[in-house]
Amino acid sequence: MSITLLSFELMQLRILRVLGSSFMKLFLLPGLGFTLYRVFGLAIQDYLPGLILLASPTATITYVMAKEMNGDTDFAVAALSTSTMLSAVTFSLWLHIAAG
């Protein structure tokens, strides 16, 4: 059994891809969800749980799926770590936007 660790050297080589995937997961998806919730006139108490789920960082199952499908586990670890670190800021941002 091999374990893939977060390698900052590998992460630097793929920084644009990692940041791109984190941007899509933490900004684009919640933004699209928020827009659709507002277009359909939902009250905040009705859409807030969905917005929180959309704004959540990449799930750890991503690594397991990448490993089982012989995918890029290094990228999965980098994307998971980056989106988890950035989600501390984006959660606050989306909650502020939804409440405002």
PDB file of N, CA and C in Angstrom:
ATOM      1  N   MET A   1       0.850  -1.179   0.000  1.00  0.00           N
ATOM      2  CA  MET A   1       0.000   0.000   0.000  1.00  0.00           C
ATOM      3  C   MET A   1       0.890   1.235   0.000  1.00  0.00           C
ATOM      4  N   SER A   2       0.721   2.086  -0.988  1.00  0.00           N
ATOM      5  CA  SER A   2       1.505   3.318  -1.049  1.00  0.00           C
ATOM      6  C   SER A   2       0.625   4.505  -0.670  1.00  0.00           C
ATOM      7  N   ILE A   3       1.262   5.473  -0.060  1.00  0.00           N
ATOM      8  CA  ILE A   3       0.550   6.667   0.373  1.00  0.00           C
ATOM      9  C   ILE A   3       1.095   7.854  -0.417  1.00  0.00           C
ATOM     10  N   THR A   4       0.214   8.654  -0.945  1.00  0.00           N
ATOM     11  CA  THR A   4       0.627   9.856  -1.667  1.00  0.00           C
ATOM     12  C   THR A   4       0.603  11.024  -0.699  1.00  0.00           C
ATOM     13  N   LEU A   5       1.720  11.701  -0.605  1.00  0.00           N
ATOM     14  CA  LEU A   5       1.829  12.855   0.270  1.00  0.00           C
ATOM     15  C   LEU A   5       1.802  14.127  -0.557  1.00  0.00           C
ATOM     16  N   LEU A   6       1.436  15.207   0.093  1.00  0.00           N
ATOM     17  CA  LEU A   6       1.414  16.497  -0.583  1.00  0.00           C
ATOM     18  C   LEU A   6       2.846  16.922  -0.857  1.00  0.00           C
ATOM     19  N   SER A   7       3.167  17.118  -2.103  1.00  0.00           N
ATOM     20  CA  SER A   7       4.502  17.536  -2.515  1.00  0.00           C
ATOM     21  C   SER A   7       4.416  18.950  -3.062  1.00  0.00           C
ATOM     22  N   PHE A   8       5.071  19.878  -2.372  1.00  0.00           N
ATOM     23  CA  PHE A   8       5.018  21.268  -2.817  1.00  0.00           C
ATOM     24  C   PHE A   8       5.754  21.458  -4.144  1.00  0.00           C
ATOM     25  N   GLU A   9       6.741  20.621  -4.422  1.00  0.00           N
ATOM     26  CA  GLU A   9       7.433  20.710  -5.704  1.00  0.00           C
ATOM     27  C   GLU A   9       6.491  20.352  -6.849  1.00  0.00           C
ATOM     28  N   LEU A  10       5.763  19.247  -6.691  1.00  0.00           N
ATOM     29  CA  LEU A  10       4.796  18.862  -7.719  1.00  0.00           C
ATOM     30  C   LEU A  10       3.660  19.874  -7.815  1.00  0.00           C
ATOM     31  N   MET A  11       3.293  20.430  -6.692  1.00  0.00           N
ATOM     32  CA  MET A  11       2.205  21.397  -6.675  1.00  0.00           C
ATOM     33  C   MET A  11       2.600  22.663  -7.436  1.00  0.00           C
ATOM     34  N   GLN A  12       3.850  23.081  -7.316  1.00  0.00           N
ATOM     35  CA  GLN A  12       4.307  24.267  -8.030  1.00  0.00           C
ATOM     36  C   GLN A  12       4.271  24.059  -9.539  1.00  0.00           C
ATOM     37  N   LEU A  13       4.544  22.837  -9.978  1.00  0.00           N
ATOM     38  CA  LEU A  13       4.513  22.552 -11.404  1.00  0.00           C
ATOM     39  C   LEU A  13       3.100  22.615 -11.979  1.00  0.00           C
ATOM     40  N   ARG A  14       2.122  22.376 -11.133  1.00  0.00           N
ATOM     41  CA  ARG A  14       0.721  22.329 -11.586  1.00  0.00           C
ATOM     42  C   ARG A  14      -0.127  23.411 -10.950  1.00  0.00           C
ATOM     43  N   ILE A  15       0.489  24.493 -10.531  1.00  0.00           N
ATOM     44  CA  ILE A  15      -0.219  25.497  -9.748  1.00  0.00           C
ATOM     45  C   ILE A  15      -1.429  26.078 -10.479  1.00  0.00           C
ATOM     46  N   LEU A  16      -1.325  26.294 -11.767  1.00  0.00           N
ATOM     47  CA  LEU A  16      -2.466  26.854 -12.504  1.00  0.00           C
ATOM     48  C   LEU A  16      -3.636  25.880 -12.552  1.00  0.00           C
ATOM     49  N   ARG A  17      -3.356  24.611 -12.760  1.00  0.00           N
ATOM     50  CA  ARG A  17      -4.436  23.614 -12.773  1.00  0.00           C
ATOM     51  C   ARG A  17      -5.068  23.473 -11.398  1.00  0.00           C
ATOM     52  N   VAL A  18      -4.230  23.462 -10.359  1.00  0.00           N
ATOM     53  CA  VAL A  18      -4.745  23.323  -8.993  1.00  0.00           C
ATOM     54  C   VAL A  18      -5.594  24.530  -8.622  1.00  0.00           C
ATOM     55  N   LEU A  19      -5.096  25.722  -8.905  1.00  0.00           N
ATOM     56  CA  LEU A  19      -5.869  26.925  -8.592  1.00  0.00           C
ATOM     57  C   LEU A  19      -7.128  27.021  -9.448  1.00  0.00           C
ATOM     58  N   GLY A  20      -7.040  26.568 -10.694  1.00  0.00           N
ATOM     59  CA  GLY A  20      -8.223  26.560 -11.558  1.00  0.00           C
ATOM     60  C   GLY A  20      -9.315  25.649 -11.030  1.00  0.00           C
ATOM     61  N   SER A  21      -8.938  24.464 -10.593  1.00  0.00           N
ATOM     62  CA  SER A  21      -9.946  23.542 -10.056  1.00  0.00           C
ATOM     63  C   SER A  21     -10.520  24.069  -8.749  1.00  0.00           C
ATOM     64  N   SER A  22      -9.681  24.699  -7.926  1.00  0.00           N
ATOM     65  CA  SER A  22     -10.172  25.273  -6.669  1.00  0.00           C
ATOM     66  C   SER A  22     -11.099  26.443  -6.940  1.00  0.00           C
ATOM     67  N   PHE A  23     -10.775  27.264  -7.939  1.00  0.00           N
ATOM     68  CA  PHE A  23     -11.642  28.382  -8.308  1.00  0.00           C
ATOM     69  C   PHE A  23     -13.018  27.875  -8.742  1.00  0.00           C
ATOM     70  N   MET A  24     -13.022  26.847  -9.574  1.00  0.00           N
ATOM     71  CA  MET A  24     -14.310  26.302 -10.029  1.00  0.00           C
ATOM     72  C   MET A  24     -15.108  25.756  -8.859  1.00  0.00           C
ATOM     73  N   LYS A  25     -14.450  25.039  -7.956  1.00  0.00           N
ATOM     74  CA  LYS A  25     -15.161  24.409  -6.848  1.00  0.00           C
ATOM     75  C   LYS A  25     -15.633  25.422  -5.816  1.00  0.00           C
ATOM     76  N   LEU A  26     -14.822  26.436  -5.539  1.00  0.00           N
ATOM     77  CA  LEU A  26     -15.138  27.340  -4.433  1.00  0.00           C
ATOM     78  C   LEU A  26     -15.804  28.656  -4.848  1.00  0.00           C
ATOM     79  N   PHE A  27     -15.690  29.039  -6.122  1.00  0.00           N
ATOM     80  CA  PHE A  27     -16.293  30.289  -6.580  1.00  0.00           C
ATOM     81  C   PHE A  27     -17.355  30.070  -7.650  1.00  0.00           C
ATOM     82  N   LEU A  28     -17.011  29.325  -8.680  1.00  0.00           N
ATOM     83  CA  LEU A  28     -17.909  29.166  -9.820  1.00  0.00           C
ATOM     84  C   LEU A  28     -19.170  28.375  -9.455  1.00  0.00           C
ATOM     85  N   LEU A  29     -19.010  27.208  -8.852  1.00  0.00           N
ATOM     86  CA  LEU A  29     -20.186  26.395  -8.499  1.00  0.00           C
ATOM     87  C   LEU A  29     -21.108  27.085  -7.488  1.00  0.00           C
ATOM     88  N   PRO A  30     -20.573  27.614  -6.370  1.00  0.00           N
ATOM     89  CA  PRO A  30     -21.477  28.320  -5.456  1.00  0.00           C
ATOM     90  C   PRO A  30     -22.091  29.570  -6.092  1.00  0.00           C
ATOM     91  N   GLY A  31     -21.319  30.261  -6.941  1.00  0.00           N
ATOM     92  CA  GLY A  31     -21.858  31.444  -7.610  1.00  0.00           C
ATOM     93  C   GLY A  31     -23.017  31.100  -8.527  1.00  0.00           C
ATOM     94  N   LEU A  32     -22.864  30.025  -9.278  1.00  0.00           N
ATOM     95  CA  LEU A  32     -23.946  29.574 -10.151  1.00  0.00           C
ATOM     96  C   LEU A  32     -25.161  29.149  -9.327  1.00  0.00           C
ATOM     97  N   GLY A  33     -24.914  28.408  -8.253  1.00  0.00           N
ATOM     98  CA  GLY A  33     -26.012  27.991  -7.377  1.00  0.00           C
ATOM     99  C   GLY A  33     -26.721  29.174  -6.760  1.00  0.00           C
ATOM    100  N   PHE A  34     -25.951  30.120  -6.247  1.00  0.00           N
ATOM    101  CA  PHE A  34     -26.539  31.314  -5.630  1.00  0.00           C
ATOM    102  C   PHE A  34     -27.386  32.086  -6.634  1.00  0.00           C
ATOM    103  N   THR A  35     -26.856  32.236  -7.843  1.00  0.00           N
ATOM    104  CA  THR A  35     -27.604  32.943  -8.889  1.00  0.00           C
ATOM    105  C   THR A  35     -28.924  32.240  -9.192  1.00  0.00           C
ATOM    106  N   LEU A  36     -28.865  30.930  -9.344  1.00  0.00           N
ATOM    107  CA  LEU A  36     -30.099  30.180  -9.634  1.00  0.00           C
ATOM    108  C   LEU A  36     -31.079  30.227  -8.465  1.00  0.00           C
ATOM    109  N   TYR A  37     -30.571  30.132  -7.231  1.00  0.00           N
ATOM    110  CA  TYR A  37     -31.465  30.228  -6.066  1.00  0.00           C
ATOM    111  C   TYR A  37     -32.191  31.565  -6.058  1.00  0.00           C
ATOM    112  N   ARG A  38     -31.459  32.641  -6.371  1.00  0.00           N
ATOM    113  CA  ARG A  38     -32.071  33.966  -6.370  1.00  0.00           C
ATOM    114  C   ARG A  38     -33.038  34.146  -7.541  1.00  0.00           C
ATOM    115  N   VAL A  39     -32.679  33.606  -8.712  1.00  0.00           N
ATOM    116  CA  VAL A  39     -33.553  33.709  -9.880  1.00  0.00           C
ATOM    117  C   VAL A  39     -34.897  33.042  -9.605  1.00  0.00           C
ATOM    118  N   PHE A  40     -34.852  31.908  -8.906  1.00  0.00           N
ATOM    119  CA  PHE A  40     -36.092  31.195  -8.616  1.00  0.00           C
ATOM    120  C   PHE A  40     -36.790  31.711  -7.357  1.00  0.00           C
ATOM    121  N   GLY A  41     -36.253  32.757  -6.748  1.00  0.00           N
ATOM    122  CA  GLY A  41     -36.922  33.421  -5.637  1.00  0.00           C
ATOM    123  C   GLY A  41     -36.974  32.640  -4.342  1.00  0.00           C
ATOM    124  N   LEU A  42     -36.000  31.797  -4.092  1.00  0.00           N
ATOM    125  CA  LEU A  42     -35.989  31.035  -2.848  1.00  0.00           C
ATOM    126  C   LEU A  42     -35.553  31.908  -1.680  1.00  0.00           C
ATOM    127  N   ALA A  43     -36.124  31.636  -0.526  1.00  0.00           N
ATOM    128  CA  ALA A  43     -35.730  32.347   0.691  1.00  0.00           C
ATOM    129  C   ALA A  43     -34.389  31.793   1.180  1.00  0.00           C
ATOM    130  N   ILE A  44     -33.652  32.613   1.911  1.00  0.00           N
ATOM    131  CA  ILE A  44     -32.311  32.215   2.342  1.00  0.00           C
ATOM    132  C   ILE A  44     -32.319  30.927   3.164  1.00  0.00           C
ATOM    133  N   GLN A  45     -33.316  30.755   4.009  1.00  0.00           N
ATOM    134  CA  GLN A  45     -33.370  29.536   4.831  1.00  0.00           C
ATOM    135  C   GLN A  45     -33.602  28.288   3.980  1.00  0.00           C
ATOM    136  N   ASP A  46     -34.138  28.467   2.784  1.00  0.00           N
ATOM    137  CA  ASP A  46     -34.364  27.331   1.898  1.00  0.00           C
ATOM    138  C   ASP A  46     -33.131  26.957   1.090  1.00  0.00           C
ATOM    139  N   TYR A  47     -32.317  27.944   0.723  1.00  0.00           N
ATOM    140  CA  TYR A  47     -31.168  27.627  -0.127  1.00  0.00           C
ATOM    141  C   TYR A  47     -29.820  27.618   0.591  1.00  0.00           C
ATOM    142  N   LEU A  48     -29.751  28.092   1.837  1.00  0.00           N
ATOM    143  CA  LEU A  48     -28.471  28.161   2.536  1.00  0.00           C
ATOM    144  C   LEU A  48     -27.785  26.799   2.692  1.00  0.00           C
ATOM    145  N   PRO A  49     -28.507  25.720   3.046  1.00  0.00           N
ATOM    146  CA  PRO A  49     -27.820  24.415   3.119  1.00  0.00           C
ATOM    147  C   PRO A  49     -27.213  23.994   1.778  1.00  0.00           C
ATOM    148  N   GLY A  50     -27.916  24.246   0.693  1.00  0.00           N
ATOM    149  CA  GLY A  50     -27.385  23.907  -0.628  1.00  0.00           C
ATOM    150  C   GLY A  50     -26.180  24.758  -0.980  1.00  0.00           C
ATOM    151  N   LEU A  51     -26.214  26.023  -0.638  1.00  0.00           N
ATOM    152  CA  LEU A  51     -25.084  26.908  -0.897  1.00  0.00           C
ATOM    153  C   LEU A  51     -23.857  26.473  -0.102  1.00  0.00           C
ATOM    154  N   ILE A  52     -24.059  26.061   1.130  1.00  0.00           N
ATOM    155  CA  ILE A  52     -22.948  25.576   1.955  1.00  0.00           C
ATOM    156  C   ILE A  52     -22.328  24.325   1.333  1.00  0.00           C
ATOM    157  N   LEU A  53     -23.151  23.429   0.848  1.00  0.00           N
ATOM    158  CA  LEU A  53     -22.623  22.227   0.197  1.00  0.00           C
ATOM    159  C   LEU A  53     -21.873  22.569  -1.090  1.00  0.00           C
ATOM    160  N   LEU A  54     -22.398  23.495  -1.864  1.00  0.00           N
ATOM    161  CA  LEU A  54     -21.709  23.902  -3.095  1.00  0.00           C
ATOM    162  C   LEU A  54     -20.384  24.594  -2.800  1.00  0.00           C
ATOM    163  N   ALA A  55     -20.303  25.315  -1.675  1.00  0.00           N
ATOM    164  CA  ALA A  55     -19.090  26.054  -1.318  1.00  0.00           C
ATOM    165  C   ALA A  55     -18.098  25.212  -0.523  1.00  0.00           C
ATOM    166  N   SER A  56     -18.425  23.968  -0.261  1.00  0.00           N
ATOM    167  CA  SER A  56     -17.527  23.091   0.498  1.00  0.00           C
ATOM    168  C   SER A  56     -16.308  22.721  -0.337  1.00  0.00           C
ATOM    169  N   PRO A  57     -15.172  22.480   0.337  1.00  0.00           N
ATOM    170  CA  PRO A  57     -13.960  22.111  -0.415  1.00  0.00           C
ATOM    171  C   PRO A  57     -14.096  20.740  -1.066  1.00  0.00           C
ATOM    172  N   THR A  58     -13.159  20.446  -1.949  1.00  0.00           N
ATOM    173  CA  THR A  58     -13.135  19.165  -2.641  1.00  0.00           C
ATOM    174  C   THR A  58     -13.164  18.030  -1.619  1.00  0.00           C
ATOM    175  N   ALA A  59     -13.968  17.030  -1.855  1.00  0.00           N
ATOM    176  CA  ALA A  59     -14.124  15.921  -0.918  1.00  0.00           C
ATOM    177  C   ALA A  59     -12.922  14.986  -0.955  1.00  0.00           C
ATOM    178  N   THR A  60     -12.639  14.353   0.180  1.00  0.00           N
ATOM    179  CA  THR A  60     -11.504  13.441   0.268  1.00  0.00           C
ATOM    180  C   THR A  60     -11.690  12.204  -0.606  1.00  0.00           C
ATOM    181  N   ILE A  61     -12.906  11.915  -0.985  1.00  0.00           N
ATOM    182  CA  ILE A  61     -13.162  10.767  -1.855  1.00  0.00           C
ATOM    183  C   ILE A  61     -12.502  10.963  -3.211  1.00  0.00           C
ATOM    184  N   THR A  62     -12.171  12.215  -3.539  1.00  0.00           N
ATOM    185  CA  THR A  62     -11.485  12.505  -4.798  1.00  0.00           C
ATOM    186  C   THR A  62     -10.190  11.720  -4.907  1.00  0.00           C
ATOM    187  N   TYR A  63      -9.437  11.669  -3.813  1.00  0.00           N
ATOM    188  CA  TYR A  63      -8.173  10.920  -3.820  1.00  0.00           C
ATOM    189  C   TYR A  63      -8.429   9.433  -4.035  1.00  0.00           C
ATOM    190  N   VAL A  64      -9.407   8.900  -3.338  1.00  0.00           N
ATOM    191  CA  VAL A  64      -9.720   7.468  -3.446  1.00  0.00           C
ATOM    192  C   VAL A  64     -10.143   7.132  -4.872  1.00  0.00           C
ATOM    193  N   MET A  65     -10.989   7.972  -5.449  1.00  0.00           N
ATOM    194  CA  MET A  65     -11.430   7.726  -6.823  1.00  0.00           C
ATOM    195  C   MET A  65     -10.267   7.818  -7.805  1.00  0.00           C
ATOM    196  N   ALA A  66      -9.396   8.819  -7.622  1.00  0.00           N
ATOM    197  CA  ALA A  66      -8.240   8.954  -8.510  1.00  0.00           C
ATOM    198  C   ALA A  66      -7.333   7.737  -8.411  1.00  0.00           C
ATOM    199  N   LYS A  67      -7.141   7.235  -7.210  1.00  0.00           N
ATOM    200  CA  LYS A  67      -6.282   6.066  -7.010  1.00  0.00           C
ATOM    201  C   LYS A  67      -6.898   4.822  -7.642  1.00  0.00           C
ATOM    202  N   GLU A  68      -8.181   4.618  -7.427  1.00  0.00           N
ATOM    203  CA  GLU A  68      -8.853   3.430  -7.955  1.00  0.00           C
ATOM    204  C   GLU A  68      -8.969   3.453  -9.479  1.00  0.00           C
ATOM    205  N   MET A  69      -9.020   4.638 -10.049  1.00  0.00           N
ATOM    206  CA  MET A  69      -9.169   4.760 -11.499  1.00  0.00           C
ATOM    207  C   MET A  69      -7.825   4.993 -12.191  1.00  0.00           C
ATOM    208  N   ASN A  70      -6.729   4.780 -11.429  1.00  0.00           N
ATOM    209  CA  ASN A  70      -5.370   4.995 -11.934  1.00  0.00           C
ATOM    210  C   ASN A  70      -5.194   6.413 -12.477  1.00  0.00           C
ATOM    211  N   GLY A  71      -5.770   7.352 -11.755  1.00  0.00           N
ATOM    212  CA  GLY A  71      -5.687   8.749 -12.150  1.00  0.00           C
ATOM    213  C   GLY A  71      -4.501   9.446 -11.510  1.00  0.00           C
ATOM    214  N   ASP A  72      -4.498  10.744 -11.542  1.00  0.00           N
ATOM    215  CA  ASP A  72      -3.410  11.562 -11.021  1.00  0.00           C
ATOM    216  C   ASP A  72      -3.648  11.840  -9.532  1.00  0.00           C
ATOM    217  N   THR A  73      -3.129  10.970  -8.683  1.00  0.00           N
ATOM    218  CA  THR A  73      -3.346  11.117  -7.243  1.00  0.00           C
ATOM    219  C   THR A  73      -2.620  12.334  -6.678  1.00  0.00           C
ATOM    220  N   ASP A  74      -1.486  12.699  -7.261  1.00  0.00           N
ATOM    221  CA  ASP A  74      -0.770  13.889  -6.793  1.00  0.00           C
ATOM    222  C   ASP A  74      -1.620  15.138  -7.012  1.00  0.00           C
ATOM    223  N   PHE A  75      -2.268  15.215  -8.159  1.00  0.00           N
ATOM    224  CA  PHE A  75      -3.147  16.348  -8.428  1.00  0.00           C
ATOM    225  C   PHE A  75      -4.346  16.331  -7.479  1.00  0.00           C
ATOM    226  N   ALA A  76      -4.886  15.151  -7.216  1.00  0.00           N
ATOM    227  CA  ALA A  76      -6.030  15.039  -6.309  1.00  0.00           C
ATOM    228  C   ALA A  76      -5.664  15.542  -4.915  1.00  0.00           C
ATOM    229  N   VAL A  77      -4.497  15.162  -4.429  1.00  0.00           N
ATOM    230  CA  VAL A  77      -4.047  15.608  -3.107  1.00  0.00           C
ATOM    231  C   VAL A  77      -3.835  17.113  -3.104  1.00  0.00           C
ATOM    232  N   ALA A  78      -3.212  17.649  -4.147  1.00  0.00           N
ATOM    233  CA  ALA A  78      -2.961  19.092  -4.224  1.00  0.00           C
ATOM    234  C   ALA A  78      -4.274  19.872  -4.298  1.00  0.00           C
ATOM    235  N   ALA A  79      -5.213  19.408  -5.106  1.00  0.00           N
ATOM    236  CA  ALA A  79      -6.509  20.085  -5.235  1.00  0.00           C
ATOM    237  C   ALA A  79      -7.294  20.023  -3.935  1.00  0.00           C
ATOM    238  N   LEU A  80      -7.269  18.892  -3.291  1.00  0.00           N
ATOM    239  CA  LEU A  80      -7.967  18.722  -2.021  1.00  0.00           C
ATOM    240  C   LEU A  80      -7.386  19.648  -0.964  1.00  0.00           C
ATOM    241  N   SER A  81      -6.067  19.683  -0.848  1.00  0.00           N
ATOM    242  CA  SER A  81      -5.419  20.522   0.158  1.00  0.00           C
ATOM    243  C   SER A  81      -5.644  22.004  -0.111  1.00  0.00           C
ATOM    244  N   THR A  82      -5.502  22.407  -1.355  1.00  0.00           N
ATOM    245  CA  THR A  82      -5.664  23.811  -1.705  1.00  0.00           C
ATOM    246  C   THR A  82      -7.094  24.277  -1.475  1.00  0.00           C
ATOM    247  N   SER A  83      -8.051  23.498  -1.922  1.00  0.00           N
ATOM    248  CA  SER A  83      -9.447  23.921  -1.749  1.00  0.00           C
ATOM    249  C   SER A  83      -9.847  23.925  -0.277  1.00  0.00           C
ATOM    250  N   THR A  84      -9.272  23.041   0.519  1.00  0.00           N
ATOM    251  CA  THR A  84      -9.569  23.041   1.953  1.00  0.00           C
ATOM    252  C   THR A  84      -9.018  24.294   2.615  1.00  0.00           C
ATOM    253  N   MET A  85      -7.798  24.680   2.249  1.00  0.00           N
ATOM    254  CA  MET A  85      -7.206  25.895   2.832  1.00  0.00           C
ATOM    255  C   MET A  85      -7.975  27.147   2.395  1.00  0.00           C
ATOM    256  N   LEU A  86      -8.335  27.223   1.129  1.00  0.00           N
ATOM    257  CA  LEU A  86      -9.034  28.402   0.619  1.00  0.00           C
ATOM    258  C   LEU A  86     -10.483  28.485   1.101  1.00  0.00           C
ATOM    259  N   SER A  87     -11.062  27.355   1.457  1.00  0.00           N
ATOM    260  CA  SER A  87     -12.473  27.352   1.852  1.00  0.00           C
ATOM    261  C   SER A  87     -12.721  28.130   3.136  1.00  0.00           C
ATOM    262  N   ALA A  88     -11.693  28.318   3.958  1.00  0.00           N
ATOM    263  CA  ALA A  88     -11.865  29.128   5.167  1.00  0.00           C
ATOM    264  C   ALA A  88     -12.276  30.551   4.797  1.00  0.00           C
ATOM    265  N   VAL A  89     -11.743  31.045   3.712  1.00  0.00           N
ATOM    266  CA  VAL A  89     -12.079  32.394   3.251  1.00  0.00           C
ATOM    267  C   VAL A  89     -13.382  32.382   2.465  1.00  0.00           C
ATOM    268  N   THR A  90     -13.538  31.421   1.572  1.00  0.00           N
ATOM    269  CA  THR A  90     -14.706  31.436   0.689  1.00  0.00           C
ATOM    270  C   THR A  90     -16.005  31.126   1.422  1.00  0.00           C
ATOM    271  N   PHE A  91     -15.952  30.300   2.472  1.00  0.00           N
ATOM    272  CA  PHE A  91     -17.168  30.065   3.255  1.00  0.00           C
ATOM    273  C   PHE A  91     -17.681  31.385   3.822  1.00  0.00           C
ATOM    274  N   SER A  92     -16.783  32.144   4.421  1.00  0.00           N
ATOM    275  CA  SER A  92     -17.169  33.439   4.992  1.00  0.00           C
ATOM    276  C   SER A  92     -17.714  34.365   3.920  1.00  0.00           C
ATOM    277  N   LEU A  93     -17.058  34.375   2.767  1.00  0.00           N
ATOM    278  CA  LEU A  93     -17.502  35.216   1.660  1.00  0.00           C
ATOM    279  C   LEU A  93     -18.913  34.855   1.216  1.00  0.00           C
ATOM    280  N   TRP A  94     -19.178  33.588   0.989  1.00  0.00           N
ATOM    281  CA  TRP A  94     -20.506  33.177   0.510  1.00  0.00           C
ATOM    282  C   TRP A  94     -21.586  33.384   1.558  1.00  0.00           C
ATOM    283  N   LEU A  95     -21.259  33.163   2.836  1.00  0.00           N
ATOM    284  CA  LEU A  95     -22.250  33.424   3.881  1.00  0.00           C
ATOM    285  C   LEU A  95     -22.554  34.915   3.984  1.00  0.00           C
ATOM    286  N   HIS A  96     -21.538  35.743   3.808  1.00  0.00           N
ATOM    287  CA  HIS A  96     -21.750  37.200   3.828  1.00  0.00           C
ATOM    288  C   HIS A  96     -22.615  37.640   2.643  1.00  0.00           C
ATOM    289  N   ILE A  97     -22.327  37.102   1.461  1.00  0.00           N
ATOM    290  CA  ILE A  97     -23.106  37.441   0.276  1.00  0.00           C
ATOM    291  C   ILE A  97     -24.555  36.989   0.434  1.00  0.00           C
ATOM    292  N   ALA A  98     -24.749  35.775   0.941  1.00  0.00           N
ATOM    293  CA  ALA A  98     -26.121  35.248   1.096  1.00  0.00           C
ATOM    294  C   ALA A  98     -26.916  36.039   2.133  1.00  0.00           C
ATOM    295  N   ALA A  99     -26.272  36.457   3.191  1.00  0.00           N
ATOM    296  CA  ALA A  99     -26.966  37.177   4.258  1.00  0.00           C
ATOM    297  C   ALA A  99     -27.222  38.630   3.882  1.00  0.00           C
ATOM    298  N   GLY A 100     -26.451  39.141   2.914  1.00  0.00           N
ATOM    299  CA  GLY A 100     -26.572  40.571   2.559  1.00  0.00           C
ATOM    300  C   GLY A 100     -27.574  40.787   1.544  1.00  0.00           C
TER     301      GLY A 100
END
